[in-house]
N, C-alpha and C. Protein backbone atom coordinates (compact mmCIF):
# COMPACT_ATOMS: atom_id res chain seq x y z
N MET A 1 14.15 0.05 22.43
CA MET A 1 14.75 -0.44 21.16
C MET A 1 14.97 1.16 20.51
N SER A 2 16.32 0.76 19.79
CA SER A 2 16.87 1.91 18.95
C SER A 2 15.90 2.52 17.68
N GLU A 3 15.98 3.90 17.16
CA GLU A 3 15.29 4.12 16.18
C GLU A 3 15.93 3.47 15.16
N ILE A 4 15.06 3.18 13.95
CA ILE A 4 15.65 2.58 12.67
C ILE A 4 15.74 3.80 11.98
N LEU A 5 17.19 4.19 11.36
CA LEU A 5 17.73 4.96 10.28
C LEU A 5 17.39 4.54 9.08
N LYS A 6 17.72 5.76 8.36
CA LYS A 6 17.55 5.93 7.22
C LYS A 6 18.24 4.80 6.29
N GLU A 7 19.43 4.42 6.52
CA GLU A 7 20.17 3.08 6.03
C GLU A 7 19.33 1.82 6.07
N ASN A 8 18.58 1.73 7.44
CA ASN A 8 17.96 0.43 7.44
C ASN A 8 16.48 0.52 7.25
N ARG A 9 16.29 1.31 6.46
CA ARG A 9 14.59 1.52 5.81
C ARG A 9 14.68 0.96 4.14
N ALA A 10 13.67 -0.07 4.16
CA ALA A 10 13.58 -0.26 2.84
C ALA A 10 11.74 0.02 2.21
N LEU A 11 11.65 0.34 1.02
CA LEU A 11 10.13 0.60 0.32
C LEU A 11 9.95 0.04 -0.75
N LEU A 12 8.94 -0.62 -0.72
CA LEU A 12 8.54 -1.50 -1.96
C LEU A 12 7.29 -0.64 -2.45
N VAL A 13 7.16 -0.05 -3.62
CA VAL A 13 5.62 0.54 -4.15
C VAL A 13 5.48 -0.42 -5.20
N VAL A 14 4.23 -0.91 -4.93
CA VAL A 14 3.34 -1.74 -5.96
C VAL A 14 2.38 -0.95 -6.65
N ALA A 15 2.40 -0.82 -7.99
CA ALA A 15 1.53 -0.01 -8.88
C ALA A 15 1.07 -1.09 -10.05
N ASN A 16 -0.11 -1.22 -10.06
CA ASN A 16 -0.66 -2.25 -10.85
C ASN A 16 -2.07 -1.95 -11.22
N LEU A 17 -2.72 -1.08 -11.61
CA LEU A 17 -3.96 -0.96 -12.00
C LEU A 17 -4.45 -1.12 -13.22
N VAL A 18 -3.45 -1.10 -14.18
CA VAL A 18 -3.63 -1.70 -15.47
C VAL A 18 -3.08 -3.23 -15.76
N LEU A 19 -4.38 -3.77 -15.65
CA LEU A 19 -3.88 -5.60 -15.58
C LEU A 19 -3.76 -5.70 -16.80
N GLY A 20 -3.25 -6.81 -17.22
CA GLY A 20 -2.77 -7.60 -18.20
C GLY A 20 -4.03 -8.61 -18.71
N ASP A 21 -4.96 -8.87 -17.70
CA ASP A 21 -5.99 -10.01 -18.05
C ASP A 21 -7.35 -9.76 -18.28
N GLY A 22 -7.51 -8.34 -19.01
CA GLY A 22 -8.86 -7.71 -19.01
C GLY A 22 -9.86 -7.42 -17.84
N ASP A 23 -9.62 -7.66 -16.72
CA ASP A 23 -10.27 -7.36 -15.29
C ASP A 23 -10.09 -6.03 -15.00
N ASP A 24 -9.71 -5.17 -15.63
CA ASP A 24 -9.01 -3.66 -15.31
C ASP A 24 -10.02 -2.63 -15.90
N GLU A 25 -11.28 -2.86 -16.04
CA GLU A 25 -12.10 -1.86 -16.68
C GLU A 25 -11.55 -1.05 -17.55
N GLY A 26 -11.84 -1.69 -18.75
CA GLY A 26 -10.98 -1.16 -19.85
C GLY A 26 -11.28 0.58 -20.35
N ASP A 27 -12.40 0.86 -19.80
CA ASP A 27 -13.19 2.06 -20.23
C ASP A 27 -12.01 3.44 -19.33
N TYR A 28 -11.49 2.68 -18.35
CA TYR A 28 -10.64 3.52 -17.33
C TYR A 28 -9.09 3.24 -17.66
N ASP A 29 -8.75 2.65 -18.47
CA ASP A 29 -7.20 2.41 -18.90
C ASP A 29 -6.20 3.32 -18.69
N LYS A 30 -6.78 4.37 -19.43
CA LYS A 30 -5.65 5.79 -19.71
C LYS A 30 -5.69 6.51 -18.01
N LEU A 31 -6.69 6.28 -17.49
CA LEU A 31 -6.61 6.67 -15.98
C LEU A 31 -5.83 6.41 -14.91
N TYR A 32 -6.03 4.61 -15.04
CA TYR A 32 -5.54 3.59 -14.31
C TYR A 32 -3.60 3.98 -14.67
N GLU A 33 -3.58 4.06 -16.02
CA GLU A 33 -2.04 4.17 -16.58
C GLU A 33 -1.23 5.24 -15.94
N TRP A 34 -1.94 6.54 -15.49
CA TRP A 34 -1.63 7.80 -15.16
C TRP A 34 -1.48 7.54 -13.82
N LEU A 35 -2.51 6.79 -13.01
CA LEU A 35 -2.50 6.58 -11.72
C LEU A 35 -1.15 5.81 -11.22
N ASP A 36 -0.83 4.75 -12.19
CA ASP A 36 0.46 3.99 -11.59
C ASP A 36 1.80 4.66 -11.73
N LYS A 37 1.56 5.33 -12.78
CA LYS A 37 2.83 6.55 -12.92
C LYS A 37 2.96 7.56 -11.98
N TYR A 38 1.90 7.78 -11.52
CA TYR A 38 1.85 8.97 -10.90
C TYR A 38 2.23 8.12 -9.10
N ALA A 39 1.77 7.29 -8.79
CA ALA A 39 2.23 6.80 -7.35
C ALA A 39 3.76 6.43 -7.61
N VAL A 40 4.21 5.85 -8.54
CA VAL A 40 5.66 5.75 -8.59
C VAL A 40 6.34 6.94 -8.50
N LEU A 41 5.99 7.87 -9.20
CA LEU A 41 6.68 9.29 -9.42
C LEU A 41 6.67 9.95 -7.94
N VAL A 42 5.63 9.84 -7.19
CA VAL A 42 5.16 10.47 -6.11
C VAL A 42 6.31 10.03 -4.86
N ALA A 43 6.06 8.34 -5.06
CA ALA A 43 6.69 7.90 -3.86
C ALA A 43 8.20 8.16 -3.80
N ASN A 44 8.66 8.13 -5.23
CA ASN A 44 10.18 8.46 -5.45
C ASN A 44 10.53 9.84 -4.91
N MET A 45 9.78 10.74 -5.12
CA MET A 45 10.19 12.28 -4.94
C MET A 45 9.87 12.36 -3.41
N LEU A 46 9.12 11.81 -2.91
CA LEU A 46 8.99 11.77 -1.19
C LEU A 46 9.48 11.15 -0.41
N MET A 47 9.73 9.54 -0.82
CA MET A 47 10.31 8.75 0.09
C MET A 47 11.80 8.55 -0.33
N ARG A 48 12.38 8.95 -1.11
CA ARG A 48 13.90 8.66 -1.34
C ARG A 48 14.94 9.13 -0.23
N PRO A 49 14.40 10.33 -0.28
CA PRO A 49 15.13 11.24 0.93
C PRO A 49 15.07 10.68 2.55
N VAL A 50 14.09 9.62 2.61
CA VAL A 50 14.15 8.96 4.01
C VAL A 50 14.14 7.62 4.15
N TYR A 51 14.49 6.84 2.80
CA TYR A 51 14.58 5.62 2.82
C TYR A 51 16.20 5.20 1.96
N ARG A 52 16.78 3.91 2.42
CA ARG A 52 17.82 3.81 2.14
C ARG A 52 17.38 3.46 -0.01
N VAL A 53 16.32 2.54 0.21
CA VAL A 53 16.05 2.34 -1.36
C VAL A 53 14.76 2.53 -1.44
N VAL A 54 14.34 2.70 -2.50
CA VAL A 54 12.69 2.79 -2.65
C VAL A 54 12.67 2.01 -4.21
N GLU A 55 11.86 0.66 -4.20
CA GLU A 55 12.11 -0.14 -5.56
C GLU A 55 10.28 0.29 -5.81
N SER A 56 10.39 -0.23 -6.87
CA SER A 56 8.93 -0.03 -7.38
C SER A 56 8.69 -1.49 -8.40
N LEU A 57 7.34 -2.20 -8.16
CA LEU A 57 6.93 -2.90 -9.45
C LEU A 57 5.64 -2.39 -10.09
N THR A 58 5.92 -2.50 -11.26
CA THR A 58 4.89 -1.85 -12.01
C THR A 58 4.49 -3.06 -13.29
N GLU A 59 3.36 -2.76 -13.87
CA GLU A 59 2.92 -3.31 -15.10
C GLU A 59 2.91 -4.88 -15.02
N ASN A 60 3.40 -5.63 -15.98
CA ASN A 60 3.68 -7.13 -15.97
C ASN A 60 4.69 -7.47 -14.97
N ARG A 61 5.11 -6.77 -14.22
CA ARG A 61 6.24 -7.24 -13.32
C ARG A 61 5.28 -7.51 -11.98
N VAL A 62 4.34 -7.21 -11.83
CA VAL A 62 3.61 -7.55 -10.49
C VAL A 62 2.63 -8.99 -10.78
N THR A 63 3.45 -10.03 -10.76
CA THR A 63 2.73 -11.13 -10.66
C THR A 63 3.16 -11.14 -8.95
N LEU A 64 1.98 -12.55 -8.79
CA LEU A 64 2.13 -12.74 -7.28
C LEU A 64 3.09 -13.43 -6.89
N THR A 65 3.82 -14.17 -7.49
CA THR A 65 5.29 -15.00 -7.15
C THR A 65 6.36 -13.71 -7.22
N GLY A 66 6.27 -12.73 -8.14
CA GLY A 66 7.33 -11.61 -8.20
C GLY A 66 7.14 -10.51 -7.06
N PHE A 67 5.83 -10.62 -6.52
CA PHE A 67 5.58 -9.72 -5.29
C PHE A 67 6.06 -10.22 -4.15
N VAL A 68 5.92 -11.53 -4.17
CA VAL A 68 6.19 -12.25 -2.67
C VAL A 68 7.78 -12.29 -2.58
N ASP A 69 8.41 -12.74 -4.02
CA ASP A 69 9.82 -12.68 -4.02
C ASP A 69 10.75 -11.59 -3.62
N ARG A 70 9.86 -10.38 -4.11
CA ARG A 70 10.64 -9.15 -4.13
C ARG A 70 10.33 -8.57 -2.46
N VAL A 71 9.39 -9.07 -1.62
CA VAL A 71 9.25 -8.81 -0.26
C VAL A 71 9.84 -9.53 0.52
N VAL A 72 10.42 -10.65 0.02
CA VAL A 72 11.28 -11.52 0.97
C VAL A 72 12.73 -11.28 0.61
N GLN A 73 13.06 -10.81 -0.59
CA GLN A 73 14.41 -10.63 -1.00
C GLN A 73 14.66 -9.05 0.06
N LEU A 74 13.84 -8.15 -0.19
CA LEU A 74 14.35 -6.71 0.23
C LEU A 74 14.14 -7.11 1.96
N ALA A 75 13.11 -7.43 2.63
CA ALA A 75 13.36 -8.07 3.98
C ALA A 75 14.47 -8.72 4.22
N LEU A 76 15.12 -9.58 3.89
CA LEU A 76 15.99 -10.67 4.26
C LEU A 76 17.42 -9.64 3.85
N ASP A 77 17.35 -8.41 2.91
CA ASP A 77 18.91 -7.89 3.13
C ASP A 77 19.26 -7.35 4.33
N PRO A 78 20.71 -7.85 4.55
CA PRO A 78 21.31 -7.48 5.60
C PRO A 78 21.15 -6.12 6.37
N GLN A 79 20.91 -5.16 5.33
CA GLN A 79 20.64 -3.49 5.78
C GLN A 79 19.41 -3.31 6.09
N THR A 80 18.50 -3.99 5.98
CA THR A 80 17.23 -3.70 6.23
C THR A 80 16.75 -4.36 7.40
N GLN A 81 16.68 -3.25 8.39
CA GLN A 81 15.71 -3.63 9.43
C GLN A 81 14.10 -3.21 9.59
N ALA A 82 13.92 -2.58 8.56
CA ALA A 82 12.23 -2.11 8.33
C ALA A 82 11.77 -2.13 7.04
N LEU A 83 10.83 -3.03 6.42
CA LEU A 83 10.33 -2.92 4.79
C LEU A 83 8.98 -2.41 5.11
N ASP A 84 8.63 -1.33 3.99
CA ASP A 84 7.12 -0.81 4.32
C ASP A 84 7.13 -1.12 2.70
N VAL A 85 5.93 -1.26 2.80
CA VAL A 85 5.13 -1.86 1.48
C VAL A 85 3.68 -0.77 1.02
N PHE A 86 3.91 -0.27 0.01
CA PHE A 86 2.69 0.63 -0.51
C PHE A 86 1.93 0.20 -1.56
N LEU A 87 0.72 -0.13 -1.75
CA LEU A 87 0.08 -0.89 -2.82
C LEU A 87 -0.94 0.12 -3.33
N VAL A 88 -0.60 0.05 -4.58
CA VAL A 88 -1.78 0.79 -5.46
C VAL A 88 -2.18 -0.16 -6.43
N MET A 89 -3.02 -0.94 -6.14
CA MET A 89 -3.73 -2.01 -6.59
C MET A 89 -5.26 -2.14 -6.67
N HIS A 90 -5.86 -3.33 -7.85
CA HIS A 90 -7.34 -3.22 -7.54
C HIS A 90 -7.42 -4.46 -6.51
N GLY A 91 -8.68 -4.27 -5.81
CA GLY A 91 -9.11 -5.19 -4.80
C GLY A 91 -10.46 -5.35 -4.46
N SER A 92 -10.82 -6.53 -4.16
CA SER A 92 -12.30 -6.79 -3.97
C SER A 92 -12.65 -6.92 -2.09
N GLU A 93 -13.52 -7.36 -1.83
CA GLU A 93 -13.72 -7.76 -0.52
C GLU A 93 -12.94 -8.59 0.09
N THR A 94 -12.33 -9.55 -0.72
CA THR A 94 -11.48 -10.76 -0.26
C THR A 94 -10.09 -10.93 -0.81
N ARG A 95 -10.17 -10.23 -1.93
CA ARG A 95 -9.04 -10.31 -2.82
C ARG A 95 -7.94 -9.22 -3.19
N LEU A 96 -6.84 -9.33 -3.70
CA LEU A 96 -6.33 -8.66 -4.58
C LEU A 96 -6.19 -9.09 -5.77
N PHE A 97 -5.57 -8.22 -7.22
CA PHE A 97 -5.39 -8.80 -8.34
C PHE A 97 -4.08 -8.36 -8.88
N PHE A 98 -3.29 -9.33 -9.07
CA PHE A 98 -1.95 -9.15 -9.63
C PHE A 98 -2.42 -9.28 -10.92
N ASP A 99 -1.36 -9.06 -11.85
CA ASP A 99 -1.19 -9.37 -13.16
C ASP A 99 -1.54 -10.59 -13.49
N ASP A 100 -1.12 -11.34 -12.90
CA ASP A 100 -1.24 -12.93 -13.52
C ASP A 100 -2.59 -13.40 -12.80
N VAL A 101 -2.89 -13.14 -11.66
CA VAL A 101 -3.71 -14.18 -10.86
C VAL A 101 -4.50 -12.99 -9.60
N SER A 102 -5.74 -13.39 -9.41
CA SER A 102 -6.07 -12.90 -8.18
C SER A 102 -5.93 -13.67 -7.24
N VAL A 103 -5.86 -13.14 -5.74
CA VAL A 103 -5.56 -14.06 -4.92
C VAL A 103 -6.47 -13.71 -3.29
N THR A 104 -6.91 -14.54 -2.74
CA THR A 104 -7.28 -13.69 -1.20
C THR A 104 -6.26 -13.41 -0.31
N THR A 105 -6.51 -12.08 0.21
CA THR A 105 -5.68 -11.83 1.13
C THR A 105 -5.09 -12.85 2.40
N ALA A 106 -6.26 -13.72 2.80
CA ALA A 106 -5.86 -14.71 3.81
C ALA A 106 -4.46 -15.71 2.93
N ASP A 107 -5.02 -15.84 1.90
CA ASP A 107 -3.58 -17.03 1.15
C ASP A 107 -2.60 -15.91 0.98
N LEU A 108 -2.44 -14.98 0.29
CA LEU A 108 -1.40 -14.16 0.51
C LEU A 108 -0.95 -13.99 1.90
N ALA A 109 -1.27 -13.83 2.81
CA ALA A 109 -0.76 -13.64 4.29
C ALA A 109 -0.05 -14.88 4.62
N GLU A 110 -0.66 -15.89 4.34
CA GLU A 110 -0.50 -17.41 4.77
C GLU A 110 1.37 -17.35 4.03
N MET A 111 1.26 -16.86 2.75
CA MET A 111 2.68 -17.11 2.08
C MET A 111 3.63 -16.30 2.61
N LEU A 112 3.00 -14.85 3.11
CA LEU A 112 4.49 -14.05 3.80
C LEU A 112 4.59 -14.70 4.83
N ALA A 113 3.67 -14.99 6.05
CA ALA A 113 4.03 -15.68 7.10
C ALA A 113 4.99 -16.43 6.76
N ALA A 114 4.81 -17.50 6.02
CA ALA A 114 5.57 -18.62 6.00
C ALA A 114 7.02 -18.40 5.60
N ALA A 115 7.51 -17.14 5.25
CA ALA A 115 8.64 -16.41 5.19
C ALA A 115 9.32 -15.91 6.37
N ASP A 116 8.69 -16.29 7.21
CA ASP A 116 9.14 -15.80 8.72
C ASP A 116 9.77 -14.41 8.66
N LEU A 117 8.95 -13.19 8.35
CA LEU A 117 9.78 -12.07 8.14
C LEU A 117 8.73 -11.01 8.77
N ALA A 118 8.40 -11.20 9.93
CA ALA A 118 7.69 -10.46 11.13
C ALA A 118 8.67 -9.34 11.88
N HIS A 119 10.03 -9.80 11.76
CA HIS A 119 10.90 -8.95 12.31
C HIS A 119 11.29 -7.61 11.33
N ARG A 120 10.74 -7.91 10.27
CA ARG A 120 11.49 -6.93 9.60
C ARG A 120 10.12 -6.19 9.00
N LEU A 121 8.96 -6.71 8.60
CA LEU A 121 7.76 -5.93 8.09
C LEU A 121 7.17 -5.18 8.89
N ARG A 122 7.12 -3.74 8.19
CA ARG A 122 6.53 -2.72 9.40
C ARG A 122 5.10 -2.26 8.85
N LEU A 123 5.14 -1.53 7.88
CA LEU A 123 3.74 -0.97 7.54
C LEU A 123 3.53 -1.11 6.00
N LEU A 124 2.14 -1.53 5.69
CA LEU A 124 1.39 -2.03 4.55
C LEU A 124 0.47 -1.13 4.24
N TYR A 125 0.85 0.05 3.42
CA TYR A 125 -0.17 0.80 3.34
C TYR A 125 -1.10 0.36 2.01
N SER A 126 -2.34 0.35 1.66
CA SER A 126 -2.84 -0.09 0.27
C SER A 126 -4.00 1.25 -0.11
N THR A 127 -4.06 1.59 -1.42
CA THR A 127 -4.96 2.19 -1.92
C THR A 127 -6.09 1.40 -2.67
N ALA A 128 -6.01 0.08 -2.35
CA ALA A 128 -7.18 -1.07 -3.00
C ALA A 128 -8.38 -0.89 -2.65
N CYS A 129 -9.15 -0.91 -3.34
CA CYS A 129 -10.63 -1.06 -2.41
C CYS A 129 -10.83 -2.03 -1.72
N TYR A 130 -11.71 -1.80 -0.87
CA TYR A 130 -11.59 -2.84 0.29
C TYR A 130 -10.51 -2.92 1.40
N GLY A 131 -9.61 -2.02 0.94
CA GLY A 131 -8.08 -2.42 1.60
C GLY A 131 -8.45 -2.65 3.42
N ALA A 132 -9.49 -2.13 3.90
CA ALA A 132 -9.71 -2.05 5.35
C ALA A 132 -9.74 -3.79 5.68
N LEU A 133 -10.62 -4.44 4.97
CA LEU A 133 -10.91 -5.60 4.90
C LEU A 133 -9.61 -6.41 4.62
N HIS A 134 -8.58 -6.03 3.98
CA HIS A 134 -7.36 -6.78 3.88
C HIS A 134 -6.36 -6.63 5.09
N ALA A 135 -6.46 -5.41 5.76
CA ALA A 135 -5.61 -5.16 6.95
C ALA A 135 -5.31 -6.26 7.73
N GLU A 136 -6.21 -6.91 8.48
CA GLU A 136 -6.05 -7.88 9.55
C GLU A 136 -5.43 -9.00 8.70
N ASP A 137 -5.58 -9.28 7.46
CA ASP A 137 -4.53 -10.50 7.07
C ASP A 137 -3.04 -9.95 7.02
N PHE A 138 -2.90 -8.76 6.69
CA PHE A 138 -1.56 -8.47 6.53
C PHE A 138 -0.94 -8.20 7.82
N VAL A 139 -1.61 -7.82 8.74
CA VAL A 139 -1.03 -8.23 10.22
C VAL A 139 -0.46 -9.39 10.41
N LYS A 140 -1.43 -10.12 10.32
CA LYS A 140 -1.46 -11.59 10.21
C LYS A 140 -0.04 -12.20 9.91
N ALA A 141 0.16 -11.86 8.59
CA ALA A 141 1.32 -11.93 7.61
C ALA A 141 2.46 -11.30 8.42
N GLY A 142 2.53 -10.54 9.31
CA GLY A 142 3.53 -9.98 10.16
C GLY A 142 4.06 -8.93 10.07
N PHE A 143 3.15 -7.85 9.14
CA PHE A 143 3.14 -6.22 9.60
C PHE A 143 2.77 -6.20 10.69
N ARG A 144 3.74 -4.84 11.12
CA ARG A 144 3.20 -4.23 12.52
C ARG A 144 2.04 -3.58 12.18
N THR A 145 1.85 -3.03 11.21
CA THR A 145 0.76 -2.09 10.97
C THR A 145 0.22 -2.06 9.43
N ALA A 146 -1.39 -1.85 9.30
CA ALA A 146 -1.88 -2.08 7.84
C ALA A 146 -2.68 -1.30 7.94
N SER A 147 -2.91 -0.92 6.59
CA SER A 147 -4.30 0.08 6.28
C SER A 147 -5.20 -0.08 5.02
N GLY A 148 -6.29 0.55 4.97
CA GLY A 148 -6.92 0.38 3.85
C GLY A 148 -8.34 0.84 3.61
N ALA A 149 -8.94 1.25 2.72
CA ALA A 149 -10.30 2.04 2.50
C ALA A 149 -11.43 0.88 2.91
N LEU A 150 -12.26 1.18 3.49
CA LEU A 150 -13.44 1.07 4.03
C LEU A 150 -14.46 0.09 2.89
N ALA A 151 -14.34 0.75 1.56
CA ALA A 151 -15.02 0.43 0.32
C ALA A 151 -14.37 0.74 -0.87
N VAL A 152 -15.20 0.96 -1.78
CA VAL A 152 -14.16 1.30 -3.05
C VAL A 152 -13.44 2.61 -2.85
N CYS A 153 -12.37 2.65 -3.29
CA CYS A 153 -11.43 3.73 -2.88
C CYS A 153 -11.34 4.53 -4.06
N ALA A 154 -11.76 5.89 -4.05
CA ALA A 154 -11.54 6.86 -5.05
C ALA A 154 -10.47 8.25 -4.90
N ASN A 155 -10.15 8.21 -3.73
CA ASN A 155 -9.34 9.54 -3.22
C ASN A 155 -7.90 9.26 -3.38
N GLY A 156 -7.50 8.46 -3.91
CA GLY A 156 -6.01 8.07 -4.11
C GLY A 156 -5.06 9.18 -4.56
N PRO A 157 -5.59 9.93 -5.14
CA PRO A 157 -4.61 11.41 -5.77
C PRO A 157 -4.50 12.35 -4.86
N TYR A 158 -5.46 12.29 -3.73
CA TYR A 158 -5.27 13.11 -2.78
C TYR A 158 -4.53 12.64 -1.54
N ASP A 159 -4.90 11.20 -1.26
CA ASP A 159 -4.66 10.52 -0.08
C ASP A 159 -3.28 9.91 -0.22
N PHE A 160 -2.69 9.68 -1.10
CA PHE A 160 -1.61 9.18 -1.47
C PHE A 160 -0.19 10.23 -1.08
N PRO A 161 -0.22 11.21 -1.75
CA PRO A 161 1.08 11.99 -1.45
C PRO A 161 0.67 12.82 -0.04
N THR A 162 -0.43 12.90 0.37
CA THR A 162 -0.73 13.38 1.90
C THR A 162 -0.33 12.63 2.69
N GLN A 163 -0.53 11.38 2.93
CA GLN A 163 0.04 10.20 3.90
C GLN A 163 1.37 10.33 3.64
N LEU A 164 1.75 10.09 2.33
CA LEU A 164 3.26 10.05 2.23
C LEU A 164 4.47 11.14 2.67
N LEU A 165 3.79 12.60 2.54
CA LEU A 165 4.45 13.25 3.16
C LEU A 165 4.55 13.36 4.80
N LYS A 166 3.30 13.07 5.30
CA LYS A 166 3.22 13.06 6.69
C LYS A 166 3.88 11.86 7.15
N TRP A 167 3.94 10.69 6.94
CA TRP A 167 4.80 9.92 7.42
C TRP A 167 6.36 10.11 6.96
N GLY A 168 6.57 10.52 5.88
CA GLY A 168 8.27 10.88 5.81
C GLY A 168 8.52 12.01 6.53
N THR A 169 7.57 12.71 7.56
CA THR A 169 8.37 13.90 8.02
C THR A 169 8.20 13.45 9.62
N PHE A 170 7.95 12.00 9.95
CA PHE A 170 8.13 11.69 11.07
C PHE A 170 6.93 11.59 12.06
N ASN A 171 5.99 11.90 11.45
CA ASN A 171 4.25 11.64 12.07
C ASN A 171 4.09 10.40 12.54
N THR A 172 3.11 9.81 13.27
CA THR A 172 2.75 8.61 13.74
C THR A 172 2.02 8.51 12.32
N TYR A 173 1.57 7.06 12.16
CA TYR A 173 0.97 6.46 11.07
C TYR A 173 -0.49 7.10 11.01
N ARG A 174 -0.96 6.75 12.47
CA ARG A 174 -2.39 7.31 12.61
C ARG A 174 -2.81 8.72 12.40
N SER A 175 -1.56 9.86 12.58
CA SER A 175 -1.84 11.30 12.06
C SER A 175 -1.52 11.18 10.25
N ALA A 176 -0.76 10.59 9.86
CA ALA A 176 -0.55 10.52 8.59
C ALA A 176 -1.99 10.18 7.71
N MET A 177 -2.55 8.74 8.36
CA MET A 177 -3.85 8.51 7.88
C MET A 177 -5.23 9.42 7.90
N ALA A 178 -5.11 10.30 9.28
CA ALA A 178 -5.85 11.05 9.40
C ALA A 178 -5.88 12.27 8.50
N ALA A 179 -4.71 12.52 7.83
CA ALA A 179 -4.55 13.80 7.32
C ALA A 179 -4.85 13.47 5.85
N GLY A 180 -4.75 12.02 5.58
CA GLY A 180 -5.35 11.58 4.04
C GLY A 180 -6.53 11.61 4.29
N ASN A 181 -7.42 11.10 5.22
CA ASN A 181 -9.12 11.00 5.40
C ASN A 181 -9.66 12.36 5.45
N ASN A 182 -8.67 13.72 5.07
CA ASN A 182 -9.54 14.76 5.17
C ASN A 182 -11.00 14.49 4.55
N PRO A 183 -11.84 14.88 5.29
CA PRO A 183 -13.24 14.66 4.69
C PRO A 183 -13.58 15.60 3.73
N VAL A 184 -13.13 16.78 3.34
CA VAL A 184 -13.56 17.88 2.50
C VAL A 184 -13.21 16.79 1.28
N PHE A 185 -11.78 16.63 0.91
CA PHE A 185 -11.22 15.94 -0.52
C PHE A 185 -11.90 14.70 -0.58
N ARG A 186 -12.00 13.63 0.37
CA ARG A 186 -12.58 12.68 0.54
C ARG A 186 -13.88 12.55 -0.16
N VAL A 187 -14.91 13.26 0.13
CA VAL A 187 -16.19 13.52 -0.31
C VAL A 187 -16.16 13.65 -1.55
N ILE A 188 -15.26 14.60 -2.08
CA ILE A 188 -15.32 15.22 -3.27
C ILE A 188 -14.90 13.97 -4.21
N HIS A 189 -13.87 13.39 -4.04
CA HIS A 189 -13.45 12.25 -4.97
C HIS A 189 -14.66 11.10 -4.72
N ASP A 190 -14.69 10.64 -3.67
CA ASP A 190 -15.81 10.02 -3.63
C ASP A 190 -17.14 10.07 -4.41
N ASN A 191 -17.91 11.20 -4.28
CA ASN A 191 -18.72 11.95 -5.11
C ASN A 191 -18.62 11.67 -6.71
N ALA A 192 -17.20 12.20 -6.82
CA ALA A 192 -16.91 12.09 -8.41
C ALA A 192 -17.04 10.65 -8.88
N ALA A 193 -16.42 9.92 -7.93
CA ALA A 193 -16.58 8.32 -8.30
C ALA A 193 -17.97 7.79 -8.60
N LYS A 194 -18.99 8.43 -7.68
CA LYS A 194 -20.14 7.76 -7.82
C LYS A 194 -20.86 8.31 -9.17
N LEU A 195 -20.49 9.75 -9.86
CA LEU A 195 -21.01 9.97 -10.63
C LEU A 195 -20.42 9.46 -11.94
N MET A 196 -19.40 8.95 -11.88
CA MET A 196 -18.92 8.09 -12.96
C MET A 196 -19.30 6.30 -13.11
N GLY A 197 -20.32 6.34 -12.03
CA GLY A 197 -20.82 5.12 -12.40
C GLY A 197 -20.61 4.00 -11.13
N PHE A 198 -19.46 4.43 -10.35
CA PHE A 198 -18.93 3.41 -9.46
C PHE A 198 -20.03 3.17 -8.12
N THR A 199 -19.92 2.33 -7.38
CA THR A 199 -21.16 2.10 -6.57
C THR A 199 -20.58 1.16 -5.01
N ASP A 200 -20.91 1.59 -4.11
CA ASP A 200 -19.88 1.25 -2.70
C ASP A 200 -18.90 1.91 -2.65
N VAL A 201 -18.87 3.33 -2.63
CA VAL A 201 -18.03 3.97 -2.84
C VAL A 201 -17.83 4.73 -1.25
N ASN A 202 -16.57 4.38 -0.89
CA ASN A 202 -16.04 4.86 0.70
C ASN A 202 -14.46 5.10 0.79
N SER A 203 -14.15 5.83 0.63
CA SER A 203 -12.50 5.92 0.77
C SER A 203 -11.94 6.18 2.04
N GLU A 204 -12.42 6.51 2.93
CA GLU A 204 -12.00 6.41 4.11
C GLU A 204 -11.21 5.25 4.67
N LYS A 205 -9.66 5.41 5.34
CA LYS A 205 -9.03 4.63 5.56
C LYS A 205 -9.29 4.49 6.81
N THR A 206 -8.91 2.89 7.50
CA THR A 206 -8.71 2.45 8.83
C THR A 206 -7.44 1.53 9.01
N ILE A 207 -6.81 1.70 10.21
CA ILE A 207 -5.78 0.73 10.67
C ILE A 207 -6.15 -0.16 11.29
N ALA A 208 -5.28 -1.35 10.97
CA ALA A 208 -4.84 -2.64 11.92
C ALA A 208 -3.49 -2.61 12.28
N GLY A 209 -3.51 -3.17 13.30
CA GLY A 209 -2.04 -3.22 13.95
C GLY A 209 -1.87 -1.89 14.83
N LYS A 210 -0.72 -1.64 14.92
CA LYS A 210 -0.20 -0.56 15.82
C LYS A 210 -0.20 0.86 15.27
N LYS A 211 -1.15 1.76 15.65
CA LYS A 211 -1.20 3.04 15.28
C LYS A 211 -0.48 3.95 15.42
N LEU A 212 0.48 3.84 16.38
CA LEU A 212 1.52 5.00 16.39
C LEU A 212 2.83 4.60 16.21
N THR A 213 2.85 4.02 15.12
CA THR A 213 4.17 3.49 14.18
C THR A 213 4.47 4.52 13.55
N ARG A 214 6.06 5.13 13.48
CA ARG A 214 6.54 6.12 12.79
C ARG A 214 7.69 5.34 11.81
N ILE A 215 8.04 6.16 11.44
CA ILE A 215 9.29 6.03 9.93
C ILE A 215 10.47 5.40 10.57
N THR A 216 10.73 6.11 11.99
CA THR A 216 11.68 5.59 12.77
C THR A 216 11.32 4.25 13.78
N SER A 217 10.53 3.80 13.69
CA SER A 217 10.01 2.46 14.69
C SER A 217 10.52 1.10 14.02
N PRO A 218 10.83 0.34 14.91
CA PRO A 218 11.18 -1.05 14.41
C PRO A 218 10.25 -1.71 14.07
N ALA A 219 10.23 -3.13 13.44
CA ALA A 219 9.02 -3.48 12.83
C ALA A 219 8.29 -4.38 13.85
N ILE A 220 9.01 -4.77 14.50
CA ILE A 220 8.17 -5.62 16.13
C ILE A 220 8.06 -5.03 16.90
């Protein structure tokens, strides 16, 4: 199958760490606000040169319905042959937290699978806590490749730009994730999170689905 060119790639960045319902650890609002803006800024800077479109959902726009609708709309755009989604969100062992509701990733997978988008969905990269436990659900939803952290994720400020830089320069996703998993920086961030009072911290990412996916790979 032919390579997917820039004009046929779309990216959705979802940055929603400052929740509107009080579930966002109020003591860390300023940090989360900075991380939301940082994720959008970095994604636009690094990814716009290699995608036709880079869209972002932030703040109170990150509702469950808003997210699903935007994924469907971008995937069904006639120009889109591969849609990638980067999630910067709060997660638990089984759930993701949207601005209006939390949902199990199993239920979210069913919603996305019902839209029959597997021919367009490619990479789901998540910095949510316990994202590794969500990854198989996203593969069931139709994504070719999905990844996330083994437990509480604290190394996003290093992992996010590192993965994006490697991904955007045509490396396999396995290589991009390995670079983001650099143990020196991961341990530093994880230890800092533990000192701040977080428990069950392990930012190491794992992959579900096809590990050798590249930015030029088809979605199927």
